[in-house]
Amino acid sequence: MKYEIKKLSKETKHNFFSLFEDSQFAHQKSWKTCFCRFYHTDCSYEDWMKRSGLDNMKEADVEIDSDNMSGFLAFEGDLCVGWLNAGPVPFYKRLINDLLPEYVNDKTALTICYVIKEGYRERGIASLLLNQAIDYFRELGFTRMIALPTDNTVRERNYRGFTQMYLNRGYKEIISESGDRYLVLEL
């Protein structure tokens, strides 16, 4: 099957919202109401847990319209079957203090969350989304991309992608002096 990858935009945001609303997230029910906002916020975890799905959806709607939330959607025909949250590092407020200072700039992109619709997993959709993100940020003149995979034993919890998927595309593993692990692709 051929999949089409489109950039998240005002025109495609309804597909993004539908993907979350239609997904079950049986492995982690709270992800259904995230609408990929967690890493974009800097509130405490306790405050995050108090937020409703409607709050997150409304915030995502505003941020997409103002180009402060970006990523890519995968389609099979008219059906949205996948999502990758990818954008400039400063978009991800929750992670800024956890990253090496040289990565916190407008020319470093981050890929952080993949959502693949049930029934479409393990078909290479995440790889297609990542390929599109690499091409897109390279064309825009970004100097590097960062990935932070977790390689969890529960496959569905690998929402940040798999290490090997990144290594296959030329990412290099970097371990900071403090022991933090990054996968970095120089563009």
Protein backbone atom coordinates (compact mmCIF):
# COMPACT_ATOMS: atom_id res chain seq x y z
CA MET A 1 0.00 0.00 0.00
CA LYS A 2 1.21 3.50 -0.78
CA TYR A 3 1.03 6.12 1.94
CA GLU A 4 1.09 9.87 1.44
CA ILE A 5 2.87 12.08 3.96
CA LYS A 6 1.58 15.61 4.56
CA LYS A 7 2.78 18.38 6.83
CA LEU A 8 0.57 19.30 9.77
CA SER A 9 -1.23 22.54 8.87
CA LYS A 10 -4.49 24.41 9.26
CA GLU A 11 -5.79 22.26 6.40
CA THR A 12 -4.76 18.91 7.92
CA LYS A 13 -5.26 19.55 11.63
CA HIS A 14 -8.75 17.98 11.61
CA ASN A 15 -7.04 14.73 10.48
CA PHE A 16 -4.60 15.01 13.38
CA PHE A 17 -7.45 15.44 15.88
CA SER A 18 -9.38 12.54 14.35
CA LEU A 19 -6.35 10.24 14.64
CA PHE A 20 -6.23 10.85 18.41
CA GLU A 21 -9.99 10.67 18.86
CA ASP A 22 -10.27 7.41 16.87
CA SER A 23 -7.29 5.69 18.53
CA GLN A 24 -7.84 3.47 21.55
CA PHE A 25 -4.41 3.77 23.25
CA ALA A 26 -5.25 0.55 25.11
CA HIS A 27 -1.68 0.39 26.45
CA GLN A 28 -1.83 3.90 27.97
CA LYS A 29 -5.32 5.43 28.15
CA SER A 30 -4.10 8.90 29.20
CA TRP A 31 -2.31 9.33 25.86
CA LYS A 32 -5.68 9.62 24.12
CA THR A 33 -6.20 13.09 25.60
CA CYS A 34 -2.64 14.36 25.16
CA PHE A 35 -2.99 15.59 21.57
CA CYS A 36 0.82 15.63 21.61
CA ARG A 37 1.03 18.64 23.93
CA PHE A 38 2.99 17.13 26.85
CA TYR A 39 6.47 18.04 25.60
CA HIS A 40 5.28 21.46 24.44
CA THR A 41 4.38 22.48 28.00
CA ASP A 42 6.54 23.32 30.99
CA CYS A 43 3.93 22.92 33.72
CA SER A 44 4.54 20.50 36.58
CA TYR A 45 3.56 16.89 36.07
CA GLU A 46 0.81 17.35 38.66
CA ASP A 47 -0.60 20.31 36.71
CA TRP A 48 -0.29 18.34 33.47
CA MET A 49 -2.39 15.53 34.93
CA LYS A 50 -5.14 18.05 35.80
CA ARG A 51 -5.46 19.17 32.18
CA SER A 52 -8.37 17.80 30.19
CA GLY A 53 -8.28 16.42 26.69
CA LEU A 54 -10.36 19.40 25.62
CA ASP A 55 -7.75 21.78 27.08
CA ASN A 56 -5.00 20.00 25.15
CA MET A 57 -7.03 19.92 21.95
CA LYS A 58 -7.82 23.64 22.13
CA GLU A 59 -4.20 24.48 22.84
CA ALA A 60 -3.02 22.29 19.94
CA ASP A 61 -5.54 23.98 17.65
CA VAL A 62 -4.16 27.44 18.49
CA GLU A 63 -0.51 26.32 18.30
CA ILE A 64 -0.98 24.60 14.93
CA ASP A 65 -2.61 27.74 13.51
CA SER A 66 0.28 29.89 14.77
CA ASP A 67 2.95 27.43 13.46
CA ASN A 68 4.20 26.67 17.00
CA MET A 69 3.38 22.98 16.68
CA SER A 70 4.56 20.99 13.71
CA GLY A 71 4.87 17.51 12.39
CA PHE A 72 3.79 15.13 9.68
CA LEU A 73 0.73 12.99 9.01
CA ALA A 74 0.57 9.72 7.07
CA PHE A 75 -2.49 8.97 4.95
CA GLU A 76 -3.88 5.91 3.26
CA GLY A 77 -6.25 7.56 0.83
CA ASP A 78 -8.28 10.00 2.93
CA LEU A 79 -7.67 8.13 6.20
CA CYS A 80 -5.01 9.52 8.54
CA VAL A 81 -3.05 6.53 9.83
CA GLY A 82 0.03 8.08 11.42
CA TRP A 83 1.58 11.12 13.08
CA LEU A 84 5.08 12.34 13.91
CA ASN A 85 5.58 15.33 16.21
CA ALA A 86 8.69 17.04 14.82
CA GLY A 87 9.83 20.64 15.05
CA PRO A 88 12.49 23.08 16.19
CA VAL A 89 13.84 22.29 19.66
CA PRO A 90 12.52 25.56 21.22
CA PHE A 91 8.96 24.24 20.60
CA TYR A 92 9.53 21.57 23.28
CA LYS A 93 9.59 23.55 26.52
CA ARG A 94 9.51 20.49 28.76
CA LEU A 95 12.79 19.18 27.28
CA ILE A 96 14.88 22.34 26.93
CA ASN A 97 16.59 22.01 30.33
CA ASP A 98 17.32 18.32 29.66
CA LEU A 99 19.17 18.91 26.38
CA LEU A 100 22.76 19.89 25.83
CA PRO A 101 22.96 23.68 25.36
CA GLU A 102 24.30 23.34 21.79
CA TYR A 103 21.04 21.59 20.81
CA VAL A 104 18.74 24.36 22.06
CA ASN A 105 18.48 26.56 18.99
CA ASP A 106 16.25 27.30 16.01
CA LYS A 107 18.37 25.19 13.64
CA THR A 108 18.08 21.90 15.55
CA ALA A 109 14.93 19.83 15.04
CA LEU A 110 13.55 17.19 17.37
CA THR A 111 11.37 14.16 16.65
CA ILE A 112 9.52 13.10 19.77
CA CYS A 113 6.16 11.34 19.32
CA TYR A 114 4.81 8.86 16.80
CA VAL A 115 1.19 7.74 16.78
CA ILE A 116 0.35 4.96 14.34
CA LYS A 117 -3.26 3.89 14.05
CA GLU A 118 -4.09 0.41 15.32
CA GLY A 119 -4.00 -2.05 12.43
CA TYR A 120 -1.34 -0.01 10.60
CA ARG A 121 1.62 -0.65 12.88
CA GLU A 122 4.73 -2.44 11.65
CA ARG A 123 4.10 -1.37 8.05
CA GLY A 124 6.98 1.14 7.89
CA ILE A 125 4.79 4.21 8.42
CA ALA A 126 6.99 5.61 11.22
CA SER A 127 10.00 5.29 8.91
CA LEU A 128 8.19 7.15 6.13
CA LEU A 129 7.28 9.93 8.56
CA LEU A 130 10.88 10.17 9.77
CA ASN A 131 12.22 10.24 6.20
CA GLN A 132 9.88 13.13 5.39
CA ALA A 133 10.95 15.02 8.51
CA ILE A 134 14.64 14.61 7.64
CA ASP A 135 14.07 15.85 4.09
CA TYR A 136 11.93 18.75 5.29
CA PHE A 137 14.34 20.05 7.92
CA ARG A 138 17.31 19.57 5.61
CA GLU A 139 15.55 21.69 2.95
CA LEU A 140 14.87 24.40 5.53
CA GLY A 141 18.58 24.62 6.38
CA PHE A 142 18.49 23.00 9.82
CA THR A 143 21.92 21.83 10.96
CA ARG A 144 20.91 18.74 12.95
CA MET A 145 18.09 16.57 14.22
CA ILE A 146 17.80 14.90 17.64
CA ALA A 147 15.91 11.78 18.67
CA LEU A 148 15.36 10.46 22.19
CA PRO A 149 14.12 6.86 21.79
CA THR A 150 13.37 4.81 24.88
CA ASP A 151 13.45 1.26 23.42
CA ASN A 152 10.82 0.00 25.86
CA THR A 153 10.07 -3.72 25.97
CA VAL A 154 6.38 -2.90 25.44
CA ARG A 155 6.35 -2.04 21.72
CA GLU A 156 3.42 0.38 22.00
CA ARG A 157 5.34 2.48 24.51
CA ASN A 158 8.07 3.18 21.98
CA TYR A 159 6.26 6.31 20.90
CA ARG A 160 9.61 8.07 20.41
CA GLY A 161 10.69 5.59 17.74
CA PHE A 162 13.23 2.79 17.85
CA THR A 163 16.99 3.34 18.08
CA GLN A 164 17.71 1.19 15.03
CA MET A 165 15.29 3.21 12.89
CA TYR A 166 17.40 6.29 13.58
CA LEU A 167 20.78 4.57 13.23
CA ASN A 168 19.67 3.24 9.83
CA ARG A 169 19.33 6.87 8.70
CA GLY A 170 22.75 8.01 9.86
CA TYR A 171 22.00 9.21 13.37
CA LYS A 172 24.93 8.79 15.76
CA GLU A 173 24.65 7.97 19.43
CA ILE A 174 26.05 10.61 21.75
CA ILE A 175 26.42 10.17 25.50
CA SER A 176 26.84 13.42 27.43
CA GLU A 177 29.20 13.81 30.38
CA SER A 178 26.18 13.44 32.67
CA GLY A 179 25.21 10.15 30.99
CA ASP A 180 22.27 11.45 28.93
CA ARG A 181 21.82 9.59 25.64
CA TYR A 182 21.00 11.37 22.38
CA LEU A 183 20.75 10.25 18.80
CA VAL A 184 21.93 13.05 16.53
CA LEU A 185 21.86 13.45 12.77
CA GLU A 186 24.03 16.18 11.29
CA LEU A 187 22.20 17.56 8.24
